Amino acid sequence: MGVEATTPCVNCERLQGLVDALTATVAELQTTLDHVLEQLAATRKNSSISSKPPKPLPLGQSKRRIGGQPGRPKHERAVVPPKLRTAPPHDSLPEICPTCDHRLRFAGDDVRVVQQVEIADVPILIEEHRSYPGWCPFCCKGLDAALPIVVQSGCSSTSRTRSAVGCGSLPRHRVET
């Protein structure tokens, strides 16, 4: 019995070349996969990445500042002119210092004005409440006179309706008489 000499056919050589190329591609992809898995494991070890949600801020604290964006003009409600008001202004003058219980002195005409617009049946009622500043010469503190509770809470003085429409504090200004 003799050993037969095998000569590969042309198609077998082509298929063997394809198998060798695919084997090299698989080895290259395996190396790339190992490298990517190492990188993924390294990022998961980072302590800044956590499955826990971030802790909330304590009540009353926020990352945002009150007001509009810095550099933007301030938007304030326009003052209703005196001829459109339906009642004379209500003046609140400071009397006693809440810190030391001494009488307050008048501290100028830089008045805080709150205009309250109430939509009644018809006509619309517009009242103006003025809070004058005071200064205590004993404890050297300045403060504004307290407005009536119904004005502070936004309720109308007639208690018929809530005057949330058009109610708001206006910028401080000099009172025109």
N, C-alpha and C. Protein backbone atom coordinates (compact mmCIF):
# COMPACT_ATOMS: atom_id res chain seq x y z
N MET A 1 0.82 -1.14 0.00
CA MET A 1 0.00 0.00 0.00
C MET A 1 0.87 1.21 0.00
N GLY A 2 0.56 2.00 -0.81
CA GLY A 2 1.37 3.19 -0.95
C GLY A 2 0.65 4.42 -0.45
N VAL A 3 1.41 5.42 -0.19
CA VAL A 3 0.86 6.70 0.26
C VAL A 3 0.48 7.47 -0.97
N GLU A 4 -0.75 7.94 -0.93
CA GLU A 4 -1.23 8.68 -2.08
C GLU A 4 -0.81 10.14 -1.97
N ALA A 5 -0.36 10.70 -2.99
CA ALA A 5 -0.01 12.11 -3.00
C ALA A 5 -1.27 12.89 -3.28
N THR A 6 -1.48 13.89 -2.42
CA THR A 6 -2.68 14.71 -2.60
C THR A 6 -2.28 16.05 -3.14
N THR A 7 -2.92 16.40 -4.14
CA THR A 7 -2.72 17.75 -4.69
C THR A 7 -4.03 18.49 -4.50
N PRO A 8 -3.94 19.63 -3.83
CA PRO A 8 -5.19 20.36 -3.58
C PRO A 8 -5.76 20.92 -4.87
N CYS A 9 -7.05 20.93 -4.88
CA CYS A 9 -7.70 21.50 -6.05
C CYS A 9 -7.73 23.02 -5.91
N VAL A 10 -8.07 23.69 -6.97
CA VAL A 10 -8.08 25.16 -7.00
C VAL A 10 -9.14 25.70 -6.05
N ASN A 11 -10.30 25.12 -5.98
CA ASN A 11 -11.39 25.58 -5.12
C ASN A 11 -11.02 25.40 -3.65
N CYS A 12 -10.31 24.30 -3.32
CA CYS A 12 -9.91 24.07 -1.93
C CYS A 12 -8.92 25.12 -1.48
N GLU A 13 -8.01 25.52 -2.35
CA GLU A 13 -7.05 26.55 -1.99
C GLU A 13 -7.76 27.89 -1.74
N ARG A 14 -8.74 28.18 -2.55
CA ARG A 14 -9.50 29.42 -2.38
C ARG A 14 -10.25 29.42 -1.06
N LEU A 15 -10.88 28.32 -0.71
CA LEU A 15 -11.62 28.22 0.53
C LEU A 15 -10.70 28.28 1.74
N GLN A 16 -9.52 27.65 1.63
CA GLN A 16 -8.56 27.69 2.74
C GLN A 16 -8.06 29.13 2.97
N GLY A 17 -7.87 29.89 1.92
CA GLY A 17 -7.47 31.29 2.03
C GLY A 17 -8.54 32.12 2.73
N LEU A 18 -9.80 31.82 2.41
CA LEU A 18 -10.92 32.52 3.05
C LEU A 18 -10.98 32.19 4.53
N VAL A 19 -10.77 30.91 4.91
CA VAL A 19 -10.78 30.50 6.31
C VAL A 19 -9.65 31.19 7.07
N ASP A 20 -8.47 31.26 6.48
CA ASP A 20 -7.34 31.92 7.13
C ASP A 20 -7.62 33.41 7.34
N ALA A 21 -8.20 34.09 6.36
CA ALA A 21 -8.52 35.52 6.48
C ALA A 21 -9.56 35.75 7.56
N LEU A 22 -10.58 34.91 7.62
CA LEU A 22 -11.63 35.05 8.64
C LEU A 22 -11.08 34.77 10.03
N THR A 23 -10.18 33.82 10.15
CA THR A 23 -9.56 33.51 11.44
C THR A 23 -8.75 34.71 11.94
N ALA A 24 -8.04 35.38 11.05
CA ALA A 24 -7.26 36.56 11.43
C ALA A 24 -8.20 37.70 11.84
N THR A 25 -9.31 37.87 11.13
CA THR A 25 -10.29 38.92 11.46
C THR A 25 -10.91 38.67 12.84
N VAL A 26 -11.25 37.41 13.13
CA VAL A 26 -11.83 37.07 14.43
C VAL A 26 -10.83 37.35 15.55
N ALA A 27 -9.55 37.02 15.33
CA ALA A 27 -8.52 37.27 16.34
C ALA A 27 -8.36 38.78 16.58
N GLU A 28 -8.39 39.56 15.51
CA GLU A 28 -8.29 41.02 15.64
C GLU A 28 -9.49 41.59 16.39
N LEU A 29 -10.70 41.14 16.08
CA LEU A 29 -11.90 41.61 16.77
C LEU A 29 -11.90 41.21 18.25
N GLN A 30 -11.37 40.03 18.56
CA GLN A 30 -11.28 39.59 19.94
C GLN A 30 -10.35 40.50 20.74
N THR A 31 -9.24 40.90 20.12
CA THR A 31 -8.31 41.82 20.77
C THR A 31 -8.97 43.17 21.03
N THR A 32 -9.70 43.68 20.05
CA THR A 32 -10.42 44.96 20.21
C THR A 32 -11.47 44.86 21.31
N LEU A 33 -12.21 43.77 21.36
CA LEU A 33 -13.24 43.57 22.38
C LEU A 33 -12.62 43.54 23.77
N ASP A 34 -11.50 42.85 23.93
CA ASP A 34 -10.82 42.81 25.23
C ASP A 34 -10.41 44.20 25.67
N HIS A 35 -9.90 45.02 24.75
CA HIS A 35 -9.48 46.38 25.07
C HIS A 35 -10.68 47.24 25.50
N VAL A 36 -11.79 47.13 24.79
CA VAL A 36 -13.00 47.90 25.13
C VAL A 36 -13.55 47.47 26.49
N LEU A 37 -13.53 46.19 26.79
CA LEU A 37 -14.01 45.72 28.09
C LEU A 37 -13.13 46.23 29.23
N GLU A 38 -11.84 46.34 29.01
CA GLU A 38 -10.93 46.90 30.02
C GLU A 38 -11.27 48.37 30.27
N GLN A 39 -11.53 49.12 29.19
CA GLN A 39 -11.88 50.53 29.35
C GLN A 39 -13.20 50.69 30.11
N LEU A 40 -14.17 49.85 29.81
CA LEU A 40 -15.46 49.91 30.49
C LEU A 40 -15.30 49.59 31.97
N ALA A 41 -14.51 48.62 32.30
CA ALA A 41 -14.29 48.28 33.71
C ALA A 41 -13.60 49.43 34.44
N ALA A 42 -12.68 50.13 33.78
CA ALA A 42 -12.00 51.26 34.41
C ALA A 42 -12.96 52.41 34.68
N THR A 43 -13.90 52.68 33.77
CA THR A 43 -14.85 53.78 34.00
C THR A 43 -15.85 53.43 35.09
N ARG A 44 -16.18 52.18 35.24
CA ARG A 44 -17.12 51.78 36.30
C ARG A 44 -16.50 51.88 37.68
N LYS A 45 -15.20 51.88 37.77
CA LYS A 45 -14.53 52.01 39.06
C LYS A 45 -14.49 53.46 39.52
N ASN A 46 -14.88 54.42 38.67
CA ASN A 46 -14.87 55.83 39.01
C ASN A 46 -15.92 56.08 40.10
N SER A 47 -15.54 56.74 41.19
CA SER A 47 -16.47 56.95 42.30
C SER A 47 -17.53 58.00 42.00
N SER A 48 -17.31 58.83 40.96
CA SER A 48 -18.31 59.85 40.66
C SER A 48 -19.54 59.27 39.98
N ILE A 49 -19.42 58.10 39.43
CA ILE A 49 -20.57 57.45 38.80
C ILE A 49 -21.20 56.54 39.83
N SER A 50 -22.47 56.80 40.13
CA SER A 50 -23.14 56.04 41.16
C SER A 50 -24.55 55.71 40.71
N SER A 51 -25.07 54.63 41.24
CA SER A 51 -26.45 54.29 40.92
C SER A 51 -27.43 55.03 41.82
N LYS A 52 -26.91 55.72 42.86
CA LYS A 52 -27.78 56.47 43.76
C LYS A 52 -28.13 57.81 43.13
N PRO A 53 -29.37 58.28 43.33
CA PRO A 53 -29.73 59.61 42.81
C PRO A 53 -29.03 60.69 43.64
N PRO A 54 -28.89 61.92 43.10
CA PRO A 54 -28.24 62.98 43.86
C PRO A 54 -29.08 63.38 45.06
N LYS A 55 -28.41 63.83 46.12
CA LYS A 55 -29.13 64.23 47.32
C LYS A 55 -29.88 65.53 47.05
N PRO A 56 -31.13 65.64 47.50
CA PRO A 56 -31.86 66.89 47.29
C PRO A 56 -31.32 67.98 48.20
N LEU A 57 -31.51 69.25 47.79
CA LEU A 57 -31.11 70.38 48.61
C LEU A 57 -32.05 70.50 49.80
N PRO A 58 -31.58 71.01 50.92
CA PRO A 58 -32.48 71.23 52.06
C PRO A 58 -33.61 72.18 51.68
N LEU A 59 -34.72 72.09 52.40
CA LEU A 59 -35.87 72.95 52.11
C LEU A 59 -35.48 74.41 52.18
N GLY A 60 -35.98 75.19 51.26
CA GLY A 60 -35.72 76.62 51.24
C GLY A 60 -34.46 76.99 50.50
N GLN A 61 -33.69 76.02 50.05
CA GLN A 61 -32.47 76.32 49.32
C GLN A 61 -32.65 75.90 47.87
N SER A 62 -32.09 76.67 46.98
CA SER A 62 -32.16 76.37 45.57
C SER A 62 -30.87 76.83 44.93
N LYS A 63 -30.50 76.20 43.84
CA LYS A 63 -29.30 76.61 43.12
C LYS A 63 -29.56 77.88 42.32
N ARG A 64 -30.81 78.14 42.00
CA ARG A 64 -31.16 79.31 41.18
C ARG A 64 -31.35 80.53 42.06
N ARG A 65 -30.97 81.67 41.54
CA ARG A 65 -31.18 82.93 42.24
C ARG A 65 -32.54 83.49 41.86
N ILE A 66 -33.13 84.24 42.78
CA ILE A 66 -34.43 84.85 42.54
C ILE A 66 -34.27 85.99 41.53
N GLY A 67 -35.23 86.13 40.63
CA GLY A 67 -35.21 87.23 39.68
C GLY A 67 -34.90 86.77 38.28
N GLY A 68 -34.76 87.74 37.40
CA GLY A 68 -34.50 87.46 36.00
C GLY A 68 -33.03 87.21 35.74
N GLN A 69 -32.70 87.07 34.49
CA GLN A 69 -31.32 86.83 34.12
C GLN A 69 -30.49 88.10 34.35
N PRO A 70 -29.24 87.92 34.78
CA PRO A 70 -28.39 89.09 35.01
C PRO A 70 -28.22 89.90 33.73
N GLY A 71 -28.28 91.22 33.87
CA GLY A 71 -28.09 92.10 32.73
C GLY A 71 -29.37 92.43 31.98
N ARG A 72 -30.45 91.73 32.28
CA ARG A 72 -31.71 92.02 31.61
C ARG A 72 -32.43 93.16 32.32
N PRO A 73 -33.22 93.97 31.59
CA PRO A 73 -33.95 95.05 32.26
C PRO A 73 -35.05 94.50 33.16
N LYS A 74 -35.31 95.20 34.26
CA LYS A 74 -36.32 94.78 35.21
C LYS A 74 -37.70 95.11 34.68
N HIS A 75 -38.64 94.19 34.80
CA HIS A 75 -40.01 94.41 34.34
C HIS A 75 -40.89 94.64 35.56
N GLU A 76 -41.49 95.82 35.63
CA GLU A 76 -42.37 96.14 36.73
C GLU A 76 -43.68 96.70 36.19
N ARG A 77 -44.71 96.50 36.99
CA ARG A 77 -46.03 96.99 36.61
C ARG A 77 -46.04 98.52 36.63
N ALA A 78 -46.70 99.13 35.68
CA ALA A 78 -46.79 100.58 35.61
C ALA A 78 -47.75 101.08 36.70
N VAL A 79 -47.47 102.26 37.23
CA VAL A 79 -48.32 102.85 38.25
C VAL A 79 -49.59 103.39 37.60
N VAL A 80 -50.74 103.08 38.22
CA VAL A 80 -52.02 103.60 37.73
C VAL A 80 -52.07 105.09 38.08
N PRO A 81 -52.34 105.97 37.13
CA PRO A 81 -52.35 107.41 37.42
C PRO A 81 -53.46 107.77 38.40
N PRO A 82 -53.27 108.88 39.16
CA PRO A 82 -54.25 109.27 40.18
C PRO A 82 -55.66 109.48 39.64
N LYS A 83 -55.80 109.94 38.41
CA LYS A 83 -57.15 110.21 37.89
C LYS A 83 -57.94 108.93 37.65
N LEU A 84 -57.28 107.77 37.54
CA LEU A 84 -57.99 106.50 37.34
C LEU A 84 -58.33 105.79 38.64
N ARG A 85 -57.76 106.24 39.76
CA ARG A 85 -58.06 105.60 41.04
C ARG A 85 -59.48 105.94 41.46
N THR A 86 -60.13 104.98 42.08
CA THR A 86 -61.52 105.18 42.50
C THR A 86 -61.63 105.56 43.97
N ALA A 87 -60.52 105.57 44.68
CA ALA A 87 -60.52 105.94 46.09
C ALA A 87 -59.22 106.68 46.38
N PRO A 88 -59.22 107.54 47.40
CA PRO A 88 -57.96 108.22 47.75
C PRO A 88 -56.95 107.22 48.29
N PRO A 89 -55.67 107.56 48.24
CA PRO A 89 -54.66 106.63 48.75
C PRO A 89 -54.78 106.43 50.26
N HIS A 90 -54.44 105.24 50.71
CA HIS A 90 -54.42 104.90 52.12
C HIS A 90 -52.97 104.98 52.58
N ASP A 91 -52.66 105.87 53.50
CA ASP A 91 -51.29 106.04 53.97
C ASP A 91 -51.07 105.26 55.26
N SER A 92 -49.99 104.49 55.29
CA SER A 92 -49.59 103.76 56.50
C SER A 92 -48.28 104.37 56.97
N LEU A 93 -48.32 105.01 58.12
CA LEU A 93 -47.13 105.67 58.66
C LEU A 93 -46.55 104.82 59.79
N PRO A 94 -45.23 104.66 59.83
CA PRO A 94 -44.64 103.88 60.92
C PRO A 94 -44.74 104.65 62.23
N GLU A 95 -44.99 103.93 63.32
CA GLU A 95 -45.16 104.59 64.60
C GLU A 95 -44.15 104.11 65.64
N ILE A 96 -44.08 102.81 65.88
CA ILE A 96 -43.26 102.26 66.96
C ILE A 96 -42.22 101.30 66.36
N CYS A 97 -41.00 101.38 66.85
CA CYS A 97 -39.93 100.48 66.41
C CYS A 97 -40.19 99.09 67.01
N PRO A 98 -40.27 98.03 66.19
CA PRO A 98 -40.53 96.70 66.75
C PRO A 98 -39.36 96.14 67.54
N THR A 99 -38.17 96.72 67.38
CA THR A 99 -37.00 96.22 68.08
C THR A 99 -36.91 96.78 69.50
N CYS A 100 -37.07 98.12 69.62
CA CYS A 100 -36.84 98.75 70.94
C CYS A 100 -38.07 99.48 71.48
N ASP A 101 -39.20 99.46 70.77
CA ASP A 101 -40.47 100.06 71.19
C ASP A 101 -40.42 101.58 71.38
N HIS A 102 -39.52 102.27 70.68
CA HIS A 102 -39.48 103.73 70.71
C HIS A 102 -40.26 104.27 69.51
N ARG A 103 -40.66 105.54 69.60
CA ARG A 103 -41.36 106.17 68.48
C ARG A 103 -40.40 106.35 67.32
N LEU A 104 -40.92 106.19 66.11
CA LEU A 104 -40.12 106.35 64.91
C LEU A 104 -40.24 107.77 64.38
N ARG A 105 -39.20 108.24 63.73
CA ARG A 105 -39.22 109.54 63.05
C ARG A 105 -39.44 109.30 61.57
N PHE A 106 -40.05 110.25 60.93
CA PHE A 106 -40.27 110.16 59.49
C PHE A 106 -38.91 110.16 58.79
N ALA A 107 -38.71 109.24 57.84
CA ALA A 107 -37.39 109.05 57.23
C ALA A 107 -37.35 109.42 55.76
N GLY A 108 -38.22 110.26 55.28
CA GLY A 108 -38.15 110.69 53.89
C GLY A 108 -39.37 110.28 53.09
N ASP A 109 -39.30 110.60 51.80
CA ASP A 109 -40.45 110.36 50.94
C ASP A 109 -40.20 109.25 49.92
N ASP A 110 -39.33 108.32 50.25
CA ASP A 110 -39.08 107.15 49.40
C ASP A 110 -40.13 106.09 49.77
N VAL A 111 -41.32 106.21 49.20
CA VAL A 111 -42.49 105.46 49.63
C VAL A 111 -42.62 104.16 48.84
N ARG A 112 -42.98 103.09 49.54
CA ARG A 112 -43.31 101.82 48.88
C ARG A 112 -44.80 101.86 48.57
N VAL A 113 -45.15 101.69 47.31
CA VAL A 113 -46.54 101.80 46.87
C VAL A 113 -47.03 100.44 46.41
N VAL A 114 -48.19 100.04 46.92
CA VAL A 114 -48.86 98.82 46.47
C VAL A 114 -50.22 99.24 45.94
N GLN A 115 -50.45 99.02 44.66
CA GLN A 115 -51.76 99.34 44.08
C GLN A 115 -52.53 98.04 43.93
N GLN A 116 -53.78 98.11 44.34
CA GLN A 116 -54.64 96.94 44.34
C GLN A 116 -55.78 97.19 43.37
N VAL A 117 -55.94 96.29 42.40
CA VAL A 117 -57.00 96.43 41.41
C VAL A 117 -58.02 95.33 41.67
N GLU A 118 -59.25 95.73 41.89
CA GLU A 118 -60.31 94.79 42.16
C GLU A 118 -61.35 94.90 41.05
N ILE A 119 -61.66 93.78 40.45
CA ILE A 119 -62.68 93.78 39.41
C ILE A 119 -64.00 93.45 40.08
N ALA A 120 -64.76 94.48 40.36
CA ALA A 120 -66.10 94.30 40.92
C ALA A 120 -67.04 94.17 39.73
N ASP A 121 -68.33 94.31 39.96
CA ASP A 121 -69.26 94.21 38.83
C ASP A 121 -68.86 95.23 37.77
N VAL A 122 -69.11 96.44 37.95
CA VAL A 122 -68.62 97.58 37.17
C VAL A 122 -68.94 98.77 38.05
N PRO A 123 -68.11 99.64 38.32
CA PRO A 123 -66.80 99.89 37.75
C PRO A 123 -65.71 99.09 38.46
N ILE A 124 -64.52 99.16 37.91
CA ILE A 124 -63.36 98.54 38.52
C ILE A 124 -62.89 99.45 39.66
N LEU A 125 -62.58 98.86 40.79
CA LEU A 125 -62.11 99.62 41.94
C LEU A 125 -60.59 99.56 41.99
N ILE A 126 -59.95 100.72 42.05
CA ILE A 126 -58.49 100.79 42.13
C ILE A 126 -58.14 101.61 43.36
N GLU A 127 -57.44 100.97 44.32
CA GLU A 127 -57.03 101.66 45.53
C GLU A 127 -55.51 101.65 45.60
N GLU A 128 -54.95 102.65 46.25
CA GLU A 128 -53.51 102.72 46.42
C GLU A 128 -53.19 102.77 47.91
N HIS A 129 -52.27 101.91 48.33
CA HIS A 129 -51.82 101.87 49.71
C HIS A 129 -50.37 102.29 49.73
N ARG A 130 -50.04 103.25 50.59
CA ARG A 130 -48.66 103.76 50.67
C ARG A 130 -48.06 103.39 52.02
N SER A 131 -46.85 102.86 51.98
CA SER A 131 -46.14 102.51 53.20
C SER A 131 -44.91 103.41 53.29
N TYR A 132 -44.93 104.33 54.24
CA TYR A 132 -43.84 105.30 54.38
C TYR A 132 -42.70 104.71 55.21
N PRO A 133 -41.48 105.10 54.88
CA PRO A 133 -40.34 104.59 55.66
C PRO A 133 -40.20 105.34 56.97
N GLY A 134 -39.68 104.65 57.98
CA GLY A 134 -39.42 105.27 59.27
C GLY A 134 -38.00 104.94 59.71
N TRP A 135 -37.50 105.72 60.67
CA TRP A 135 -36.15 105.51 61.17
C TRP A 135 -36.17 105.64 62.67
N CYS A 136 -35.58 104.69 63.37
CA CYS A 136 -35.53 104.71 64.83
C CYS A 136 -34.19 105.31 65.25
N PRO A 137 -34.20 106.46 65.93
CA PRO A 137 -32.94 107.08 66.34
C PRO A 137 -32.25 106.34 67.49
N PHE A 138 -32.96 105.45 68.18
CA PHE A 138 -32.37 104.75 69.32
C PHE A 138 -31.59 103.50 68.90
N CYS A 139 -32.20 102.69 68.01
CA CYS A 139 -31.47 101.48 67.58
C CYS A 139 -30.93 101.62 66.15
N CYS A 140 -31.11 102.80 65.56
CA CYS A 140 -30.56 103.12 64.23
C CYS A 140 -30.99 102.13 63.16
N LYS A 141 -32.26 101.81 63.13
CA LYS A 141 -32.79 100.91 62.11
C LYS A 141 -33.87 101.63 61.31
N GLY A 142 -33.92 101.33 60.04
CA GLY A 142 -34.95 101.86 59.19
C GLY A 142 -35.94 100.76 58.83
N LEU A 143 -37.21 101.10 58.69
CA LEU A 143 -38.21 100.11 58.31
C LEU A 143 -39.39 100.82 57.67
N ASP A 144 -40.21 100.05 57.00
CA ASP A 144 -41.42 100.58 56.37
C ASP A 144 -42.61 100.30 57.27
N ALA A 145 -43.62 101.14 57.18
CA ALA A 145 -44.85 100.92 57.93
C ALA A 145 -45.54 99.68 57.37
N ALA A 146 -46.18 98.94 58.26
CA ALA A 146 -46.89 97.73 57.84
C ALA A 146 -48.16 98.11 57.11
N LEU A 147 -48.43 97.41 56.02
CA LEU A 147 -49.68 97.61 55.30
C LEU A 147 -50.78 96.80 55.98
N PRO A 148 -52.04 97.15 55.78
CA PRO A 148 -53.13 96.36 56.37
C PRO A 148 -53.05 94.90 55.92
N ILE A 149 -53.50 94.01 56.77
CA ILE A 149 -53.42 92.57 56.51
C ILE A 149 -54.11 92.20 55.20
N VAL A 150 -55.25 92.81 54.92
CA VAL A 150 -55.97 92.46 53.69
C VAL A 150 -55.16 92.83 52.46
N VAL A 151 -54.33 93.84 52.54
CA VAL A 151 -53.49 94.23 51.41
C VAL A 151 -52.31 93.27 51.28
N GLN A 152 -51.71 92.91 52.41
CA GLN A 152 -50.58 91.99 52.39
C GLN A 152 -50.97 90.62 51.85
N SER A 153 -52.19 90.18 52.18
CA SER A 153 -52.62 88.85 51.73
C SER A 153 -53.17 88.86 50.32
N GLY A 154 -53.38 90.04 49.73
CA GLY A 154 -53.90 90.12 48.38
C GLY A 154 -55.41 90.10 48.31
N CYS A 155 -56.08 90.14 49.44
CA CYS A 155 -57.54 90.16 49.44
C CYS A 155 -58.02 91.60 49.29
N SER A 156 -59.20 91.74 48.77
CA SER A 156 -59.75 93.08 48.59
C SER A 156 -60.22 93.64 49.92
N SER A 157 -60.31 94.94 49.99
CA SER A 157 -60.74 95.58 51.23
C SER A 157 -62.25 95.42 51.43
N THR A 158 -62.98 95.11 50.36
CA THR A 158 -64.43 94.94 50.48
C THR A 158 -64.81 93.49 50.70
N SER A 159 -63.89 92.58 50.59
CA SER A 159 -64.09 91.15 50.81
C SER A 159 -65.09 90.53 49.84
N ARG A 160 -65.39 91.19 48.74
CA ARG A 160 -66.30 90.59 47.76
C ARG A 160 -65.56 89.62 46.86
N THR A 161 -64.41 90.00 46.45
CA THR A 161 -63.64 89.15 45.55
C THR A 161 -62.19 89.18 45.96
N ARG A 162 -61.45 88.26 45.44
CA ARG A 162 -60.00 88.27 45.67
C ARG A 162 -59.39 89.12 44.58
N SER A 163 -58.51 90.01 44.96
CA SER A 163 -57.99 90.98 44.00
C SER A 163 -56.62 90.58 43.50
N ALA A 164 -56.50 89.36 43.05
CA ALA A 164 -55.20 88.89 42.56
C ALA A 164 -54.88 89.50 41.21
N VAL A 165 -55.90 89.89 40.45
CA VAL A 165 -55.66 90.47 39.14
C VAL A 165 -55.14 91.88 39.32
N GLY A 166 -53.98 92.13 38.83
CA GLY A 166 -53.41 93.48 38.88
C GLY A 166 -52.90 93.88 40.25
N CYS A 167 -52.73 92.95 41.15
CA CYS A 167 -52.24 93.29 42.48
C CYS A 167 -50.76 93.00 42.53
N GLY A 168 -50.00 93.95 42.95
CA GLY A 168 -48.57 93.71 43.05
C GLY A 168 -47.86 94.93 43.56
N SER A 169 -46.67 94.72 44.06
CA SER A 169 -45.87 95.84 44.55
C SER A 169 -45.25 96.57 43.38
N LEU A 170 -45.17 97.85 43.49
CA LEU A 170 -44.59 98.69 42.47
C LEU A 170 -43.23 99.16 42.95
N PRO A 171 -42.41 99.68 42.06
CA PRO A 171 -41.12 100.19 42.51
C PRO A 171 -41.30 101.39 43.42
N ARG A 172 -40.32 101.60 44.28
CA ARG A 172 -40.38 102.76 45.17
C ARG A 172 -40.31 104.03 44.33
N HIS A 173 -41.09 105.00 44.69
CA HIS A 173 -41.05 106.26 43.95
C HIS A 173 -41.48 107.40 44.85
N ARG A 174 -41.18 108.57 44.40
CA ARG A 174 -41.59 109.77 45.11
C ARG A 174 -43.08 109.99 44.85
N VAL A 175 -43.82 110.32 45.89
CA VAL A 175 -45.27 110.48 45.78
C VAL A 175 -45.56 111.86 45.21
N GLU A 176 -46.36 111.85 44.15
CA GLU A 176 -46.80 113.13 43.56
C GLU A 176 -48.14 113.51 44.18
N THR A 177 -48.24 114.72 44.60
CA THR A 177 -49.51 115.15 45.20
C THR A 177 -50.24 116.10 44.31
